[in-house]
PDB file of N, CA and C in Angstrom:
ATOM      1  N   MET A   1      -7.323 -14.691 -11.116  1.00  0.00           N
ATOM      2  CA  MET A   1      -6.727 -15.412 -10.024  1.00  0.00           C
ATOM      3  C   MET A   1      -5.220 -14.635  -9.666  1.00  0.00           C
ATOM      4  N   ILE A   2      -5.000 -14.477  -8.451  1.00  0.00           N
ATOM      5  CA  ILE A   2      -4.000 -14.124  -8.048  1.00  0.00           C
ATOM      6  C   ILE A   2      -3.292 -15.040  -7.104  1.00  0.00           C
ATOM      7  N   CYS A   3      -1.757 -15.128  -7.472  1.00  0.00           N
ATOM      8  CA  CYS A   3      -1.039 -16.239  -6.635  1.00  0.00           C
ATOM      9  C   CYS A   3       0.178 -15.529  -6.091  1.00  0.00           C
ATOM     10  N   VAL A   4       0.501 -15.799  -4.862  1.00  0.00           N
ATOM     11  CA  VAL A   4       1.340 -15.109  -4.428  1.00  0.00           C
ATOM     12  C   VAL A   4       2.311 -16.192  -3.770  1.00  0.00           C
ATOM     13  N   THR A   5       3.880 -15.918  -3.966  1.00  0.00           N
ATOM     14  CA  THR A   5       4.937 -16.684  -3.642  1.00  0.00           C
ATOM     15  C   THR A   5       6.006 -16.159  -2.933  1.00  0.00           C
ATOM     16  N   MET A   6       6.370 -16.458  -1.747  1.00  0.00           N
ATOM     17  CA  MET A   6       7.655 -15.751  -1.274  1.00  0.00           C
ATOM     18  C   MET A   6       8.980 -16.305  -1.969  1.00  0.00           C
ATOM     19  N   VAL A   7       9.548 -15.388  -2.358  1.00  0.00           N
ATOM     20  CA  VAL A   7      10.808 -15.777  -3.267  1.00  0.00           C
ATOM     21  C   VAL A   7      12.030 -15.327  -2.537  1.00  0.00           C
ATOM     22  N   GLY A   8      11.913 -14.569  -1.528  1.00  0.00           N
ATOM     23  CA  GLY A   8      13.229 -13.896  -0.572  1.00  0.00           C
ATOM     24  C   GLY A   8      12.909 -13.288   0.742  1.00  0.00           C
ATOM     25  N   LEU A   9      13.828 -13.064   1.324  1.00  0.00           N
ATOM     26  CA  LEU A   9      13.388 -12.268   2.545  1.00  0.00           C
ATOM     27  C   LEU A   9      12.986 -11.098   2.308  1.00  0.00           C
ATOM     28  N   HIS A  10      11.422 -11.031   2.833  1.00  0.00           N
ATOM     29  CA  HIS A  10      10.356 -10.135   2.710  1.00  0.00           C
ATOM     30  C   HIS A  10      10.043  -9.691   1.029  1.00  0.00           C
ATOM     31  N   GLU A  11      10.293 -10.607   0.192  1.00  0.00           N
ATOM     32  CA  GLU A  11      10.068 -10.371  -1.049  1.00  0.00           C
ATOM     33  C   GLU A  11       9.082 -11.435  -1.401  1.00  0.00           C
ATOM     34  N   TYR A  12       7.968 -11.053  -2.525  1.00  0.00           N
ATOM     35  CA  TYR A  12       7.179 -11.913  -2.977  1.00  0.00           C
ATOM     36  C   TYR A  12       6.933 -11.950  -4.393  1.00  0.00           C
ATOM     37  N   GLU A  13       6.582 -13.001  -5.047  1.00  0.00           N
ATOM     38  CA  GLU A  13       6.351 -12.873  -6.518  1.00  0.00           C
ATOM     39  C   GLU A  13       4.793 -12.896  -6.646  1.00  0.00           C
ATOM     40  N   VAL A  14       4.081 -11.981  -7.119  1.00  0.00           N
ATOM     41  CA  VAL A  14       2.576 -11.992  -7.497  1.00  0.00           C
ATOM     42  C   VAL A  14       2.459 -12.147  -9.022  1.00  0.00           C
ATOM     43  N   VAL A  15       1.712 -13.239  -9.155  1.00  0.00           N
ATOM     44  CA  VAL A  15       1.054 -13.397 -10.492  1.00  0.00           C
ATOM     45  C   VAL A  15      -0.395 -13.272 -10.620  1.00  0.00           C
ATOM     46  N   VAL A  16      -0.751 -12.320 -11.596  1.00  0.00           N
ATOM     47  CA  VAL A  16      -2.278 -11.947 -11.619  1.00  0.00           C
ATOM     48  C   VAL A  16      -2.352 -12.646 -13.096  1.00  0.00           C
ATOM     49  N   GLU A  17      -3.445 -13.577 -13.186  1.00  0.00           N
ATOM     50  CA  GLU A  17      -3.462 -14.390 -14.444  1.00  0.00           C
ATOM     51  C   GLU A  17      -4.584 -13.568 -15.562  1.00  0.00           C
ATOM     52  N   LYS A  18      -5.450 -12.763 -15.096  1.00  0.00           N
ATOM     53  CA  LYS A  18      -6.528 -12.319 -15.997  1.00  0.00           C
ATOM     54  C   LYS A  18      -6.714 -10.900 -15.988  1.00  0.00           C
ATOM     55  N   PRO A  19      -6.842 -10.202 -17.272  1.00  0.00           N
ATOM     56  CA  PRO A  19      -7.198 -10.770 -18.529  1.00  0.00           C
ATOM     57  C   PRO A  19      -5.815 -11.095 -19.143  1.00  0.00           C
ATOM     58  N   THR A  20      -4.746 -10.430 -19.003  1.00  0.00           N
ATOM     59  CA  THR A  20      -3.376 -10.550 -19.462  1.00  0.00           C
ATOM     60  C   THR A  20      -2.418 -10.976 -18.377  1.00  0.00           C
ATOM     61  N   GLU A  21      -1.784 -12.334 -18.163  1.00  0.00           N
ATOM     62  CA  GLU A  21      -1.119 -12.510 -17.204  1.00  0.00           C
ATOM     63  C   GLU A  21       0.093 -11.386 -17.012  1.00  0.00           C
ATOM     64  N   THR A  22       0.268 -11.039 -15.778  1.00  0.00           N
ATOM     65  CA  THR A  22       1.642 -10.077 -15.449  1.00  0.00           C
ATOM     66  C   THR A  22       2.304 -10.704 -14.108  1.00  0.00           C
ATOM     67  N   ILE A  23       3.364 -10.373 -14.111  1.00  0.00           N
ATOM     68  CA  ILE A  23       4.099 -10.937 -12.588  1.00  0.00           C
ATOM     69  C   ILE A  23       4.854  -9.777 -12.339  1.00  0.00           C
ATOM     70  N   HIS A  24       4.594  -9.547 -10.801  1.00  0.00           N
ATOM     71  CA  HIS A  24       5.162  -8.576 -10.093  1.00  0.00           C
ATOM     72  C   HIS A  24       6.058  -8.948  -8.854  1.00  0.00           C
ATOM     73  N   ARG A  25       6.827  -8.143  -8.691  1.00  0.00           N
ATOM     74  CA  ARG A  25       8.036  -8.477  -7.274  1.00  0.00           C
ATOM     75  C   ARG A  25       7.555  -7.277  -6.341  1.00  0.00           C
ATOM     76  N   VAL A  26       7.092  -7.953  -4.991  1.00  0.00           N
ATOM     77  CA  VAL A  26       6.399  -6.885  -4.164  1.00  0.00           C
ATOM     78  C   VAL A  26       7.407  -7.223  -2.806  1.00  0.00           C
ATOM     79  N   THR A  27       7.786  -6.120  -2.324  1.00  0.00           N
ATOM     80  CA  THR A  27       8.402  -6.236  -0.916  1.00  0.00           C
ATOM     81  C   THR A  27       7.515  -5.692   0.204  1.00  0.00           C
ATOM     82  N   LEU A  28       7.550  -6.489   1.312  1.00  0.00           N
ATOM     83  CA  LEU A  28       6.883  -5.943   2.317  1.00  0.00           C
ATOM     84  C   LEU A  28       7.536  -6.315   3.818  1.00  0.00           C
ATOM     85  N   ALA A  29       7.946  -5.014   4.124  1.00  0.00           N
ATOM     86  CA  ALA A  29       8.859  -4.769   5.403  1.00  0.00           C
ATOM     87  C   ALA A  29       8.061  -5.536   6.765  1.00  0.00           C
ATOM     88  N   PRO A  30       8.618  -6.027   7.697  1.00  0.00           N
ATOM     89  CA  PRO A  30       8.089  -6.391   8.683  1.00  0.00           C
ATOM     90  C   PRO A  30       6.968  -5.312   9.604  1.00  0.00           C
ATOM     91  N   ASP A  31       7.770  -4.196   9.672  1.00  0.00           N
ATOM     92  CA  ASP A  31       6.980  -3.096  10.430  1.00  0.00           C
ATOM     93  C   ASP A  31       5.489  -2.575   9.913  1.00  0.00           C
ATOM     94  N   TYR A  32       5.615  -2.635   8.611  1.00  0.00           N
ATOM     95  CA  TYR A  32       4.490  -2.201   7.848  1.00  0.00           C
ATOM     96  C   TYR A  32       3.462  -3.278   7.674  1.00  0.00           C
ATOM     97  N   TYR A  33       3.949  -4.653   7.743  1.00  0.00           N
ATOM     98  CA  TYR A  33       3.167  -5.776   7.867  1.00  0.00           C
ATOM     99  C   TYR A  33       2.442  -5.651   9.267  1.00  0.00           C
ATOM    100  N   GLN A  34       3.014  -5.246  10.195  1.00  0.00           N
ATOM    101  CA  GLN A  34       2.285  -5.265  11.621  1.00  0.00           C
ATOM    102  C   GLN A  34       1.516  -4.115  11.554  1.00  0.00           C
ATOM    103  N   LYS A  35       1.887  -2.877  10.905  1.00  0.00           N
ATOM    104  CA  LYS A  35       0.947  -1.756  10.624  1.00  0.00           C
ATOM    105  C   LYS A  35      -0.342  -2.108  10.025  1.00  0.00           C
ATOM    106  N   LEU A  36      -0.006  -2.666   9.202  1.00  0.00           N
ATOM    107  CA  LEU A  36      -1.434  -3.106   8.356  1.00  0.00           C
ATOM    108  C   LEU A  36      -2.275  -4.087   9.142  1.00  0.00           C
ATOM    109  N   CYS A  37      -1.728  -5.205   9.518  1.00  0.00           N
ATOM    110  CA  CYS A  37      -2.788  -6.000   9.755  1.00  0.00           C
ATOM    111  C   CYS A  37      -2.479  -6.674  11.371  1.00  0.00           C
ATOM    112  N   GLY A  38      -1.343  -6.291  11.991  1.00  0.00           N
ATOM    113  CA  GLY A  38      -1.092  -6.757  13.434  1.00  0.00           C
ATOM    114  C   GLY A  38      -0.940  -8.192  13.309  1.00  0.00           C
ATOM    115  N   ALA A  39      -0.429  -8.713  12.269  1.00  0.00           N
ATOM    116  CA  ALA A  39      -0.254 -10.043  12.094  1.00  0.00           C
ATOM    117  C   ALA A  39      -1.503 -11.036  12.151  1.00  0.00           C
ATOM    118  N   THR A  40      -2.451 -10.527  11.996  1.00  0.00           N
ATOM    119  CA  THR A  40      -3.528 -11.018  12.220  1.00  0.00           C
ATOM    120  C   THR A  40      -4.287 -12.117  10.848  1.00  0.00           C
ATOM    121  N   VAL A  41      -3.444 -11.811   9.629  1.00  0.00           N
ATOM    122  CA  VAL A  41      -3.505 -12.549   8.349  1.00  0.00           C
ATOM    123  C   VAL A  41      -2.132 -12.849   7.861  1.00  0.00           C
ATOM    124  N   THR A  42      -1.806 -13.886   7.053  1.00  0.00           N
ATOM    125  CA  THR A  42      -0.724 -14.226   6.625  1.00  0.00           C
ATOM    126  C   THR A  42      -0.187 -13.026   5.391  1.00  0.00           C
ATOM    127  N   HIS A  43       1.258 -12.882   5.250  1.00  0.00           N
ATOM    128  CA  HIS A  43       1.824 -12.053   4.504  1.00  0.00           C
ATOM    129  C   HIS A  43       1.061 -12.185   3.078  1.00  0.00           C
ATOM    130  N   GLU A  44       0.939 -13.443   2.760  1.00  0.00           N
ATOM    131  CA  GLU A  44       0.518 -13.859   1.272  1.00  0.00           C
ATOM    132  C   GLU A  44      -1.226 -13.106   1.155  1.00  0.00           C
ATOM    133  N   TRP A  45      -1.895 -13.392   2.179  1.00  0.00           N
ATOM    134  CA  TRP A  45      -3.046 -13.191   2.064  1.00  0.00           C
ATOM    135  C   TRP A  45      -3.527 -11.503   2.216  1.00  0.00           C
ATOM    136  N   LEU A  46      -2.499 -10.888   2.927  1.00  0.00           N
ATOM    137  CA  LEU A  46      -2.452  -9.658   2.740  1.00  0.00           C
ATOM    138  C   LEU A  46      -1.956  -9.107   1.760  1.00  0.00           C
ATOM    139  N   ILE A  47      -1.041  -9.544   0.834  1.00  0.00           N
ATOM    140  CA  ILE A  47      -0.775  -9.030  -0.596  1.00  0.00           C
ATOM    141  C   ILE A  47      -1.960  -9.306  -1.474  1.00  0.00           C
ATOM    142  N   ILE A  48      -2.628 -10.305  -1.348  1.00  0.00           N
ATOM    143  CA  ILE A  48      -3.665 -10.881  -2.334  1.00  0.00           C
ATOM    144  C   ILE A  48      -4.859  -9.684  -2.263  1.00  0.00           C
ATOM    145  N   GLN A  49      -5.077  -9.370  -1.083  1.00  0.00           N
ATOM    146  CA  GLN A  49      -5.980  -8.301  -0.746  1.00  0.00           C
ATOM    147  C   GLN A  49      -5.645  -7.018  -1.246  1.00  0.00           C
ATOM    148  N   ALA A  50      -4.339  -6.643  -1.211  1.00  0.00           N
ATOM    149  CA  ALA A  50      -3.678  -5.276  -1.753  1.00  0.00           C
ATOM    150  C   ALA A  50      -3.989  -5.281  -3.060  1.00  0.00           C
ATOM    151  N   PHE A  51      -3.558  -6.373  -3.768  1.00  0.00           N
ATOM    152  CA  PHE A  51      -3.726  -6.561  -5.210  1.00  0.00           C
ATOM    153  C   PHE A  51      -5.325  -6.490  -5.516  1.00  0.00           C
ATOM    154  N   ARG A  52      -5.993  -7.073  -4.928  1.00  0.00           N
ATOM    155  CA  ARG A  52      -7.644  -6.978  -5.158  1.00  0.00           C
ATOM    156  C   ARG A  52      -8.081  -5.516  -5.253  1.00  0.00           C
ATOM    157  N   LEU A  53      -7.445  -4.878  -4.241  1.00  0.00           N
ATOM    158  CA  LEU A  53      -7.907  -3.317  -4.224  1.00  0.00           C
ATOM    159  C   LEU A  53      -7.215  -2.567  -5.390  1.00  0.00           C
ATOM    160  N   LEU A  54      -6.168  -3.074  -5.684  1.00  0.00           N
ATOM    161  CA  LEU A  54      -5.212  -2.246  -6.806  1.00  0.00           C
ATOM    162  C   LEU A  54      -6.204  -2.638  -8.206  1.00  0.00           C
ATOM    163  N   LEU A  55      -6.578  -3.724  -8.259  1.00  0.00           N
ATOM    164  CA  LEU A  55      -7.210  -4.150  -9.505  1.00  0.00           C
ATOM    165  C   LEU A  55      -8.681  -3.553  -9.769  1.00  0.00           C
ATOM    166  N   GLU A  56      -9.327  -3.082  -8.505  1.00  0.00           N
ATOM    167  CA  GLU A  56     -10.646  -2.505  -8.702  1.00  0.00           C
ATOM    168  C   GLU A  56     -10.318  -0.853  -9.292  1.00  0.00           C
ATOM    169  N   ARG A  57      -9.146  -0.588  -9.229  1.00  0.00           N
ATOM    170  CA  ARG A  57      -8.598   0.876  -9.345  1.00  0.00           C
ATOM    171  C   ARG A  57      -8.033   1.131 -10.893  1.00  0.00           C
ATOM    172  N   GLU A  58      -7.458   0.109 -11.304  1.00  0.00           N
ATOM    173  CA  GLU A  58      -6.588  -0.015 -12.599  1.00  0.00           C
ATOM    174  C   GLU A  58      -6.601  -1.601 -13.000  1.00  0.00           C
ATOM    175  N   PRO A  59      -6.037  -1.491 -14.285  1.00  0.00           N
ATOM    176  CA  PRO A  59      -5.777  -3.034 -14.915  1.00  0.00           C
ATOM    177  C   PRO A  59      -4.470  -3.619 -14.453  1.00  0.00           C
ATOM    178  N   ASN A  60      -4.391  -4.886 -14.194  1.00  0.00           N
ATOM    179  CA  ASN A  60      -3.047  -5.266 -13.982  1.00  0.00           C
ATOM    180  C   ASN A  60      -1.961  -4.961 -14.708  1.00  0.00           C
ATOM    181  N   THR A  61      -2.158  -4.739 -15.860  1.00  0.00           N
ATOM    182  CA  THR A  61      -0.919  -4.134 -16.807  1.00  0.00           C
ATOM    183  C   THR A  61      -0.413  -2.990 -16.426  1.00  0.00           C
ATOM    184  N   ALA A  62      -1.227  -2.246 -15.490  1.00  0.00           N
ATOM    185  CA  ALA A  62      -0.793  -0.664 -15.129  1.00  0.00           C
ATOM    186  C   ALA A  62      -0.100  -0.909 -13.914  1.00  0.00           C
ATOM    187  N   ILE A  63      -0.181  -1.972 -13.171  1.00  0.00           N
ATOM    188  CA  ILE A  63       0.494  -2.147 -11.948  1.00  0.00           C
ATOM    189  C   ILE A  63       1.921  -2.224 -12.052  1.00  0.00           C
ATOM    190  N   LEU A  64       2.783  -1.523 -11.431  1.00  0.00           N
ATOM    191  CA  LEU A  64       4.246  -1.694 -11.298  1.00  0.00           C
ATOM    192  C   LEU A  64       4.728  -3.064 -11.310  1.00  0.00           C
ATOM    193  N   SER A  65       5.902  -3.378 -12.129  1.00  0.00           N
ATOM    194  CA  SER A  65       6.477  -4.603 -12.104  1.00  0.00           C
ATOM    195  C   SER A  65       7.127  -5.191 -10.553  1.00  0.00           C
ATOM    196  N   ARG A  66       7.689  -3.997 -10.077  1.00  0.00           N
ATOM    197  CA  ARG A  66       8.479  -4.130  -8.853  1.00  0.00           C
ATOM    198  C   ARG A  66       7.836  -2.911  -7.817  1.00  0.00           C
ATOM    199  N   PHE A  67       7.733  -3.196  -6.641  1.00  0.00           N
ATOM    200  CA  PHE A  67       7.381  -2.336  -5.822  1.00  0.00           C
ATOM    201  C   PHE A  67       7.562  -2.604  -4.416  1.00  0.00           C
ATOM    202  N   ASP A  68       7.350  -1.662  -3.545  1.00  0.00           N
ATOM    203  CA  ASP A  68       7.104  -2.038  -1.985  1.00  0.00           C
ATOM    204  C   ASP A  68       5.552  -1.760  -1.649  1.00  0.00           C
ATOM    205  N   LEU A  69       5.207  -2.689  -0.977  1.00  0.00           N
ATOM    206  CA  LEU A  69       3.834  -2.661  -0.560  1.00  0.00           C
ATOM    207  C   LEU A  69       3.405  -1.089  -0.038  1.00  0.00           C
ATOM    208  N   ALA A  70       4.064  -0.398   0.712  1.00  0.00           N
ATOM    209  CA  ALA A  70       3.946   0.888   1.186  1.00  0.00           C
ATOM    210  C   ALA A  70       3.950   1.987   0.213  1.00  0.00           C
ATOM    211  N   ASP A  71       4.536   1.655  -0.962  1.00  0.00           N
ATOM    212  CA  ASP A  71       4.317   2.707  -2.210  1.00  0.00           C
ATOM    213  C   ASP A  71       2.980   2.973  -2.570  1.00  0.00           C
ATOM    214  N   ILE A  72       2.091   1.892  -2.303  1.00  0.00           N
ATOM    215  CA  ILE A  72       0.538   1.989  -2.806  1.00  0.00           C
ATOM    216  C   ILE A  72       0.075   3.328  -2.237  1.00  0.00           C
ATOM    217  N   SER A  73       0.272   3.474  -1.081  1.00  0.00           N
ATOM    218  CA  SER A  73      -0.491   4.507  -0.578  1.00  0.00           C
ATOM    219  C   SER A  73      -0.188   6.176  -1.148  1.00  0.00           C
ATOM    220  N   ARG A  74       1.061   6.247  -1.860  1.00  0.00           N
ATOM    221  CA  ARG A  74       1.353   7.429  -2.398  1.00  0.00           C
ATOM    222  C   ARG A  74       0.697   7.591  -3.738  1.00  0.00           C
ATOM    223  N   TYR A  75       0.303   6.534  -4.165  1.00  0.00           N
ATOM    224  CA  TYR A  75      -0.737   6.249  -5.622  1.00  0.00           C
ATOM    225  C   TYR A  75      -2.309   6.681  -5.039  1.00  0.00           C
ATOM    226  N   PHE A  76      -2.629   5.719  -4.029  1.00  0.00           N
ATOM    227  CA  PHE A  76      -3.986   5.763  -3.611  1.00  0.00           C
ATOM    228  C   PHE A  76      -3.906   6.237  -1.979  1.00  0.00           C
ATOM    229  N   PRO A  77      -4.115   7.236  -1.615  1.00  0.00           N
ATOM    230  CA  PRO A  77      -4.162   7.659  -0.228  1.00  0.00           C
ATOM    231  C   PRO A  77      -4.994   6.964   0.980  1.00  0.00           C
ATOM    232  N   ASP A  78      -6.156   6.595   0.327  1.00  0.00           N
ATOM    233  CA  ASP A  78      -7.192   5.571   1.082  1.00  0.00           C
ATOM    234  C   ASP A  78      -6.712   4.285   1.398  1.00  0.00           C
ATOM    235  N   PHE A  79      -5.390   3.745   0.670  1.00  0.00           N
ATOM    236  CA  PHE A  79      -5.151   2.030   0.645  1.00  0.00           C
ATOM    237  C   PHE A  79      -5.139   1.582   1.998  1.00  0.00           C
ATOM    238  N   GLU A  80      -4.565   2.064   2.848  1.00  0.00           N
ATOM    239  CA  GLU A  80      -4.408   1.626   4.244  1.00  0.00           C
ATOM    240  C   GLU A  80      -5.943   1.339   4.753  1.00  0.00           C
ATOM    241  N   ASP A  81      -6.572   2.671   4.813  1.00  0.00           N
ATOM    242  CA  ASP A  81      -7.824   2.141   5.298  1.00  0.00           C
ATOM    243  C   ASP A  81      -8.919   1.314   4.619  1.00  0.00           C
ATOM    244  N   ALA A  82      -8.882   1.322   3.161  1.00  0.00           N
ATOM    245  CA  ALA A  82      -9.362   0.261   2.605  1.00  0.00           C
ATOM    246  C   ALA A  82      -9.078  -0.990   2.749  1.00  0.00           C
ATOM    247  N   LEU A  83      -7.615  -1.307   2.901  1.00  0.00           N
ATOM    248  CA  LEU A  83      -7.098  -2.633   3.374  1.00  0.00           C
ATOM    249  C   LEU A  83      -7.451  -3.013   4.563  1.00  0.00           C
ATOM    250  N   ALA A  84      -7.412  -2.042   5.656  1.00  0.00           N
ATOM    251  CA  ALA A  84      -7.907  -2.458   6.913  1.00  0.00           C
ATOM    252  C   ALA A  84      -9.477  -2.972   6.848  1.00  0.00           C
ATOM    253  N   ALA A  85     -10.027  -2.178   6.100  1.00  0.00           N
ATOM    254  CA  ALA A  85     -11.609  -2.557   6.315  1.00  0.00           C
ATOM    255  C   ALA A  85     -11.975  -3.955   5.585  1.00  0.00           C
ATOM    256  N   ARG A  86     -11.265  -4.268   4.576  1.00  0.00           N
ATOM    257  CA  ARG A  86     -11.026  -5.230   3.759  1.00  0.00           C
ATOM    258  C   ARG A  86     -10.632  -6.721   4.599  1.00  0.00           C
ATOM    259  N   ILE A  87      -9.835  -6.624   5.363  1.00  0.00           N
ATOM    260  CA  ILE A  87      -9.243  -7.783   6.423  1.00  0.00           C
ATOM    261  C   ILE A  87      -9.801  -7.658   7.667  1.00  0.00           C
ATOM    262  N   GLY A  88     -11.013  -6.630   7.811  1.00  0.00           N
ATOM    263  CA  GLY A  88     -11.836  -6.907   9.318  1.00  0.00           C
ATOM    264  C   GLY A  88     -10.981  -6.282  10.349  1.00  0.00           C
ATOM    265  N   ARG A  89     -10.175  -5.079   9.951  1.00  0.00           N
ATOM    266  CA  ARG A  89      -9.421  -4.434  11.076  1.00  0.00           C
ATOM    267  C   ARG A  89     -10.082  -3.103  11.340  1.00  0.00           C
TER     268      ARG A  89
END
């Protein structure tokens, strides 16, 4: 299970419960949010989908504990396209 909670302006805490619980701090800038989904889904839902993509590629224990959502595409160049397909854009 993936739980996302807003903890500050543009900052979210993400808890991935299995197989080992991990906690991550993720920032999501408003302009990047618009670019990714055009405000068609909530910030939290977008982050959940981003983590689902990450978890298909690496274990939750390998995900950085603090990062900006835009940084994912540096590690996975197809991230934005894969996320757009996942949310139906």
